[in-house]
Amino acid sequence: MGDVAMTVPVIQSVLLQNPQLNITIVSNAFFQPLFHGIERCHFYPANLKQQHKGMKGIFRLYQELKKFTQINAIADLHSVLRSSILKFFFRSGSHKIATIDKGRAEKKALTRKENKISRPLTTTHERYAEVFRQLGLVADIKKQLPVFDVRPVPAGAAAMFETGKKIIGVAPFAQHKEKMYPLEKMQTVVQQLAAKNNKVLLFGGGEKESAVLQQWENDIENVHSVAGKFSFAEELAIISNLSTMVSMDSANMHLAALFGVPVVSIWGATHPYAGFTSWGLLPENIVQADLYCRPCSVFGNKPCYRGDHACMNMIAREMILEKIIRMSDV
């Protein structure tokens, strides 16, 4: 989800700078709310587990897209096997095609154990923008302004916003455990934020995460779990009304950034140098430990070879609280 969310501000910028342009996003249907409200941005759902599964399914998707809209060019922002197959079919029509350069070699140098080359790489937002430039479009993303305005709070969440307190979002989970701050420490952070008369909303997904967050809600006053209780579109509306979002290097960091919500992000096995920071994220709002082994992977999907997960364990709770308090004046 984070990768898809990162395309949103770039696509909006490209559309604003190229008023003759229409863009059709082809992605998982679940992500459609991310693009709602962007003028001249259309969405076509790809169901890769059913009718668009496999080679025949991708060909069916190709045929459907030709009927859905007139396509002059293809911007491959994902560069995986499925998108490559789809591009193959479109080449038969002599469409102009551009593909993202993921910088795999330099990311490998950044994450290897020996002779690590530690330097900031081209951001993913910039890599997306370059794809559109290859197609002859203007794609200036220097001004990283919010994409969307604040949205109305869903009726089911209205009571959470009626107290007049600061509303702080906390998303303690990530796809891979090496990117997660220890849950017992994060629970303490949540307790201290709630004790300062803030309202804390917890974000996550899946049954296991929802169960943990519901237990935190049960145990801590002024804490409410959002996980599993709202649609994705409703969660986006709730996020847009937060005072601050506290997140790992994960999707919620990117979702909050779309609405200009200040983000405090906590980084462990991964590193901002790899280029996956959220839209408009300020360096001073990143919490991380200075360790020779970081980053050990681009996506946090490799186990800690030291065995102690020091990149997260070295981060004191006070470091996180200080960032939140300074940003939110709580």
Protein backbone atom coordinates (compact mmCIF):
# COMPACT_ATOMS: atom_id res chain seq x y z
CA MET A 1 0.00 0.00 0.00
CA GLY A 2 2.83 2.39 0.80
CA ASP A 3 4.24 2.19 -2.73
CA VAL A 4 0.82 2.94 -4.22
CA ALA A 5 0.25 5.83 -1.80
CA MET A 6 3.57 7.32 -2.88
CA THR A 7 2.37 7.51 -6.49
CA VAL A 8 -0.60 9.71 -5.53
CA PRO A 9 1.17 13.08 -5.02
CA VAL A 10 3.31 12.54 -8.11
CA ILE A 11 0.29 11.74 -10.26
CA GLN A 12 -1.57 14.77 -8.95
CA SER A 13 1.46 16.98 -9.69
CA VAL A 14 1.79 15.62 -13.22
CA LEU A 15 -1.91 16.20 -13.92
CA LEU A 16 -1.76 19.77 -12.62
CA GLN A 17 1.28 20.56 -14.80
CA ASN A 18 -0.12 18.89 -17.92
CA PRO A 19 -3.73 20.14 -18.22
CA GLN A 20 -4.37 18.21 -21.44
CA LEU A 21 -3.56 14.92 -19.75
CA ASN A 22 -5.78 12.12 -18.43
CA ILE A 23 -4.30 9.28 -16.38
CA THR A 24 -5.86 5.88 -15.75
CA ILE A 25 -4.51 4.03 -12.72
CA VAL A 26 -4.52 0.24 -12.98
CA SER A 27 -4.20 -1.34 -9.56
CA ASN A 28 -5.88 -3.42 -6.87
CA ALA A 29 -9.48 -2.30 -6.35
CA PHE A 30 -8.82 -1.75 -2.64
CA PHE A 31 -6.60 1.23 -3.46
CA GLN A 32 -9.20 3.18 -5.41
CA PRO A 33 -10.03 5.57 -2.50
CA LEU A 34 -6.43 6.83 -2.62
CA PHE A 35 -7.14 8.54 -5.95
CA HIS A 36 -10.64 9.81 -5.22
CA GLY A 37 -11.04 13.50 -5.94
CA ILE A 38 -8.06 13.94 -8.28
CA GLU A 39 -9.34 15.57 -11.46
CA ARG A 40 -8.68 13.70 -14.72
CA CYS A 41 -7.46 10.71 -12.76
CA HIS A 42 -9.40 7.53 -13.51
CA PHE A 43 -9.13 4.12 -11.90
CA TYR A 44 -9.43 0.64 -13.37
CA PRO A 45 -9.37 -2.26 -10.88
CA ALA A 46 -7.12 -5.23 -11.58
CA ASN A 47 -8.32 -8.42 -9.92
CA LEU A 48 -5.12 -10.45 -10.01
CA LYS A 49 -6.54 -13.35 -7.99
CA GLN A 50 -9.54 -13.97 -10.25
CA GLN A 51 -10.29 -12.79 -13.79
CA HIS A 52 -6.89 -11.13 -14.27
CA LYS A 53 -4.80 -13.98 -12.88
CA GLY A 54 -1.92 -15.41 -14.91
CA MET A 55 -0.95 -14.78 -18.52
CA LYS A 56 -4.51 -15.22 -19.82
CA GLY A 57 -5.83 -12.90 -17.13
CA ILE A 58 -3.32 -10.18 -17.97
CA PHE A 59 -4.30 -10.46 -21.63
CA ARG A 60 -7.95 -10.10 -20.59
CA LEU A 61 -6.99 -6.99 -18.60
CA TYR A 62 -5.22 -5.61 -21.68
CA GLN A 63 -8.34 -6.11 -23.79
CA GLU A 64 -10.56 -4.50 -21.15
CA LEU A 65 -8.30 -1.46 -20.87
CA LYS A 66 -8.39 -0.89 -24.62
CA LYS A 67 -12.19 -0.74 -24.43
CA PHE A 68 -12.24 1.33 -21.23
CA THR A 69 -10.23 4.30 -22.50
CA GLN A 70 -7.98 5.57 -25.27
CA ILE A 71 -4.39 4.90 -24.23
CA ASN A 72 -1.48 6.72 -25.84
CA ALA A 73 1.34 5.81 -23.47
CA ILE A 74 2.16 3.44 -20.60
CA ALA A 75 3.91 4.54 -17.40
CA ASP A 76 5.09 1.44 -15.51
CA LEU A 77 5.63 2.62 -11.93
CA HIS A 78 5.93 -0.90 -10.53
CA SER A 79 8.24 -2.88 -12.85
CA VAL A 80 7.25 -6.41 -11.85
CA LEU A 81 6.50 -9.49 -13.95
CA ARG A 82 2.78 -8.72 -14.31
CA SER A 83 3.33 -5.14 -15.44
CA SER A 84 6.02 -6.34 -17.88
CA ILE A 85 3.56 -8.82 -19.42
CA LEU A 86 0.96 -6.08 -19.75
CA LYS A 87 3.54 -3.83 -21.43
CA PHE A 88 4.35 -6.65 -23.87
CA PHE A 89 0.75 -6.69 -25.08
CA PHE A 90 0.62 -2.91 -25.42
CA ARG A 91 3.83 -2.88 -27.47
CA SER A 92 1.92 -4.50 -30.31
CA GLY A 93 0.04 -1.22 -30.65
CA SER A 94 3.23 0.88 -30.75
CA HIS A 95 2.40 2.69 -27.53
CA LYS A 96 5.08 4.81 -25.97
CA ILE A 97 6.27 3.06 -22.81
CA ALA A 98 8.40 4.20 -19.87
CA THR A 99 9.45 2.08 -16.88
CA ILE A 100 10.71 3.01 -13.43
CA ASP A 101 14.39 2.58 -12.65
CA LYS A 102 14.33 1.11 -9.15
CA GLY A 103 18.08 1.59 -8.65
CA ARG A 104 18.58 -2.00 -7.56
CA ALA A 105 22.38 -1.92 -7.78
CA GLU A 106 22.78 1.18 -5.61
CA LYS A 107 20.24 -0.13 -3.10
CA LYS A 108 22.22 -3.35 -2.88
CA ALA A 109 25.36 -1.31 -2.14
CA LEU A 110 23.46 0.62 0.53
CA THR A 111 22.24 -2.49 2.34
CA ARG A 112 25.17 -4.94 2.08
CA LYS A 113 27.18 -5.91 5.17
CA GLU A 114 30.65 -5.19 3.82
CA ASN A 115 31.84 -2.08 1.99
CA LYS A 116 28.46 -0.42 2.48
CA ILE A 117 28.02 2.78 0.46
CA SER A 118 25.90 4.91 2.78
CA ARG A 119 24.45 7.88 0.96
CA PRO A 120 20.98 9.25 0.12
CA LEU A 121 19.62 7.67 -3.04
CA THR A 122 17.09 9.10 -5.47
CA THR A 123 13.71 9.20 -3.75
CA THR A 124 10.91 6.94 -4.93
CA HIS A 125 8.78 10.02 -5.65
CA GLU A 126 11.51 11.30 -7.95
CA ARG A 127 11.81 7.90 -9.63
CA TYR A 128 8.06 7.99 -10.34
CA ALA A 129 8.31 11.52 -11.71
CA GLU A 130 11.16 10.52 -14.03
CA VAL A 131 8.93 7.89 -15.65
CA PHE A 132 6.50 10.62 -16.70
CA ARG A 133 9.37 12.80 -17.93
CA GLN A 134 10.45 9.94 -20.18
CA LEU A 135 7.02 10.20 -21.79
CA GLY A 136 7.58 13.89 -22.54
CA LEU A 137 5.48 15.24 -19.67
CA VAL A 138 6.29 17.99 -17.17
CA ALA A 139 6.86 16.46 -13.73
CA ASP A 140 8.25 18.97 -11.23
CA ILE A 141 7.76 17.70 -7.67
CA LYS A 142 9.89 20.21 -5.76
CA LYS A 143 6.87 21.72 -3.97
CA GLN A 144 5.65 18.85 -1.83
CA LEU A 145 2.30 20.29 -0.75
CA PRO A 146 -0.59 18.21 0.66
CA VAL A 147 -2.62 16.40 -1.97
CA PHE A 148 -6.02 16.40 -0.25
CA ASP A 149 -7.99 18.62 2.10
CA VAL A 150 -9.42 17.46 5.41
CA ARG A 151 -12.41 15.17 4.91
CA PRO A 152 -15.58 14.93 7.04
CA VAL A 153 -15.24 12.59 10.00
CA PRO A 154 -17.31 9.40 9.46
CA ALA A 155 -20.40 9.24 11.65
CA GLY A 156 -19.10 6.17 13.45
CA ALA A 157 -15.98 8.04 14.55
CA ALA A 158 -17.58 11.36 15.44
CA ALA A 159 -17.48 10.73 19.20
CA MET A 160 -13.68 10.40 19.05
CA PHE A 161 -13.40 13.99 17.85
CA GLU A 162 -15.89 15.71 20.17
CA THR A 163 -13.61 16.14 23.19
CA GLY A 164 -11.55 19.12 22.07
CA LYS A 165 -8.38 17.15 22.77
CA LYS A 166 -5.43 16.69 20.47
CA ILE A 167 -6.03 13.62 18.30
CA ILE A 168 -2.83 11.64 17.80
CA GLY A 169 -2.72 8.62 15.52
CA VAL A 170 -0.39 5.74 16.31
CA ALA A 171 0.32 2.93 13.83
CA PRO A 172 2.63 0.51 15.68
CA PHE A 173 2.75 -2.26 13.09
CA ALA A 174 4.61 -2.79 9.82
CA GLN A 175 4.63 -5.52 7.21
CA HIS A 176 7.92 -6.88 8.56
CA LYS A 177 8.85 -7.14 12.26
CA GLU A 178 12.33 -5.66 11.69
CA LYS A 179 10.59 -2.34 10.98
CA MET A 180 8.55 -2.40 14.20
CA TYR A 181 9.34 -0.65 17.44
CA PRO A 182 8.93 -3.20 20.30
CA LEU A 183 5.22 -3.35 21.08
CA GLU A 184 5.67 -3.18 24.86
CA LYS A 185 7.65 0.04 24.49
CA MET A 186 5.15 1.50 22.03
CA GLN A 187 2.34 0.68 24.41
CA THR A 188 4.13 2.76 27.04
CA VAL A 189 4.44 5.64 24.56
CA VAL A 190 0.68 5.42 23.94
CA GLN A 191 0.01 5.39 27.69
CA GLN A 192 2.09 8.52 28.25
CA LEU A 193 0.44 10.35 25.36
CA ALA A 194 -3.01 9.45 26.66
CA ALA A 195 -2.03 10.52 30.18
CA LYS A 196 -1.31 14.01 28.85
CA ASN A 197 -5.02 14.39 28.07
CA ASN A 198 -4.68 13.53 24.39
CA LYS A 199 -6.96 11.24 22.43
CA VAL A 200 -4.94 8.44 20.80
CA LEU A 201 -6.32 6.55 17.80
CA LEU A 202 -4.70 3.22 16.92
CA PHE A 203 -4.31 2.03 13.33
CA GLY A 204 -3.57 -1.45 12.01
CA GLY A 205 -4.98 -4.25 9.92
CA GLY A 206 -5.78 -7.93 10.13
CA GLU A 207 -7.22 -9.96 13.00
CA LYS A 208 -4.02 -10.26 15.05
CA GLU A 209 -3.17 -6.57 14.91
CA SER A 210 -6.78 -5.57 15.59
CA ALA A 211 -6.87 -7.84 18.65
CA VAL A 212 -3.72 -6.26 20.11
CA LEU A 213 -4.98 -2.73 19.51
CA GLN A 214 -8.38 -3.53 20.96
CA GLN A 215 -6.66 -4.75 24.12
CA TRP A 216 -4.76 -1.46 24.34
CA GLU A 217 -8.07 0.38 24.02
CA ASN A 218 -9.53 -1.73 26.81
CA ASP A 219 -6.57 -1.11 29.10
CA ILE A 220 -5.81 2.59 28.50
CA GLU A 221 -8.14 5.54 28.96
CA ASN A 222 -8.42 8.02 26.06
CA VAL A 223 -7.29 5.35 23.57
CA HIS A 224 -9.46 4.03 20.72
CA SER A 225 -8.67 1.40 18.11
CA VAL A 226 -9.74 2.18 14.56
CA ALA A 227 -8.47 -1.16 13.20
CA GLY A 228 -11.08 -3.26 11.42
CA LYS A 229 -13.97 -0.95 12.31
CA PHE A 230 -14.10 1.29 9.24
CA SER A 231 -13.75 1.06 5.47
CA PHE A 232 -10.50 2.18 3.89
CA ALA A 233 -12.14 5.37 2.65
CA GLU A 234 -13.41 6.09 6.16
CA GLU A 235 -9.97 5.46 7.65
CA LEU A 236 -8.50 7.98 5.23
CA ALA A 237 -11.06 10.54 6.40
CA ILE A 238 -10.17 9.84 10.03
CA ILE A 239 -6.45 10.18 9.28
CA SER A 240 -7.07 13.54 7.58
CA ASN A 241 -8.36 14.93 10.90
CA LEU A 242 -5.41 13.88 13.07
CA SER A 243 -3.13 16.36 14.79
CA THR A 244 -0.15 14.04 14.32
CA MET A 245 0.51 10.54 13.00
CA VAL A 246 3.15 8.33 14.67
CA SER A 247 4.15 5.53 12.36
CA MET A 248 6.85 3.06 11.49
CA ASP A 249 8.33 3.06 7.99
CA SER A 250 4.94 1.83 6.80
CA ALA A 251 1.84 2.74 4.82
CA ASN A 252 0.22 4.97 7.46
CA MET A 253 3.16 7.36 7.24
CA HIS A 254 2.39 7.83 3.55
CA LEU A 255 -1.37 8.04 4.02
CA ALA A 256 -1.10 10.82 6.61
CA ALA A 257 1.30 12.74 4.38
CA LEU A 258 -1.31 12.94 1.61
CA PHE A 259 -3.41 15.18 3.88
CA GLY A 260 -0.53 17.24 5.24
CA VAL A 261 -0.83 15.62 8.67
CA PRO A 262 2.52 16.01 10.50
CA VAL A 263 4.26 12.63 10.76
CA VAL A 264 6.72 11.28 13.32
CA SER A 265 8.25 8.20 11.73
CA ILE A 266 10.34 5.52 13.45
CA TRP A 267 12.95 3.67 11.40
CA GLY A 268 14.80 0.46 12.28
CA ALA A 269 16.17 -2.03 9.77
CA THR A 270 15.33 0.29 6.88
CA HIS A 271 16.68 3.79 6.31
CA PRO A 272 15.45 7.05 4.73
CA TYR A 273 18.52 6.91 2.45
CA ALA A 274 16.77 4.20 0.39
CA GLY A 275 14.26 6.82 -0.78
CA PHE A 276 10.99 5.68 0.78
CA THR A 277 10.26 8.62 3.07
CA SER A 278 6.76 10.04 2.88
CA TRP A 279 5.71 13.11 0.88
CA GLY A 280 6.96 16.27 2.59
CA LEU A 281 8.45 14.43 5.59
CA LEU A 282 10.86 16.67 7.51
CA PRO A 283 14.19 15.06 8.45
CA GLU A 284 13.86 16.34 12.01
CA ASN A 285 10.69 14.27 12.46
CA ILE A 286 12.47 10.97 11.82
CA VAL A 287 13.43 8.85 14.83
CA GLN A 288 16.34 6.47 14.24
CA ALA A 289 19.52 5.07 15.77
CA ASP A 290 22.90 5.70 14.19
CA LEU A 291 24.25 2.19 13.56
CA TYR A 292 26.88 0.88 11.15
CA CYS A 293 24.63 -1.99 10.05
CA ARG A 294 21.70 0.17 8.93
CA PRO A 295 20.03 -0.35 6.61
CA CYS A 296 20.34 -4.12 6.40
CA SER A 297 17.59 -4.33 3.77
CA VAL A 298 15.51 -2.04 1.60
CA PHE A 299 12.12 -3.29 2.77
CA GLY A 300 12.92 -4.67 6.24
CA ASN A 301 12.21 -8.22 5.08
CA LYS A 302 15.52 -9.75 6.25
CA PRO A 303 16.14 -10.93 9.82
CA CYS A 304 18.60 -8.96 11.96
CA TYR A 305 21.98 -10.59 11.38
CA ARG A 306 23.23 -9.19 14.70
CA GLY A 307 20.37 -10.95 16.44
CA ASP A 308 19.60 -8.10 18.85
CA HIS A 309 17.41 -5.75 16.75
CA ALA A 310 19.53 -2.92 18.11
CA CYS A 311 18.25 -0.47 15.50
CA MET A 312 14.94 -0.36 17.34
CA ASN A 313 15.98 -1.32 20.86
CA MET A 314 18.45 1.57 21.01
CA ILE A 315 15.62 4.07 20.49
CA ALA A 316 14.44 5.30 23.86
CA ARG A 317 10.75 6.01 24.38
CA GLU A 318 11.72 9.56 25.36
CA MET A 319 13.17 10.13 21.88
CA ILE A 320 9.80 9.40 20.32
CA LEU A 321 7.81 11.38 22.89
CA GLU A 322 10.07 14.39 22.49
CA LYS A 323 9.39 14.51 18.75
CA ILE A 324 5.63 14.17 19.22
CA ILE A 325 5.49 16.77 22.00
CA ARG A 326 7.57 19.27 20.05
CA MET A 327 5.42 18.81 16.96
CA SER A 328 2.01 18.66 18.62
CA ASP A 329 2.62 20.96 21.60
CA VAL A 330 1.03 18.31 23.84
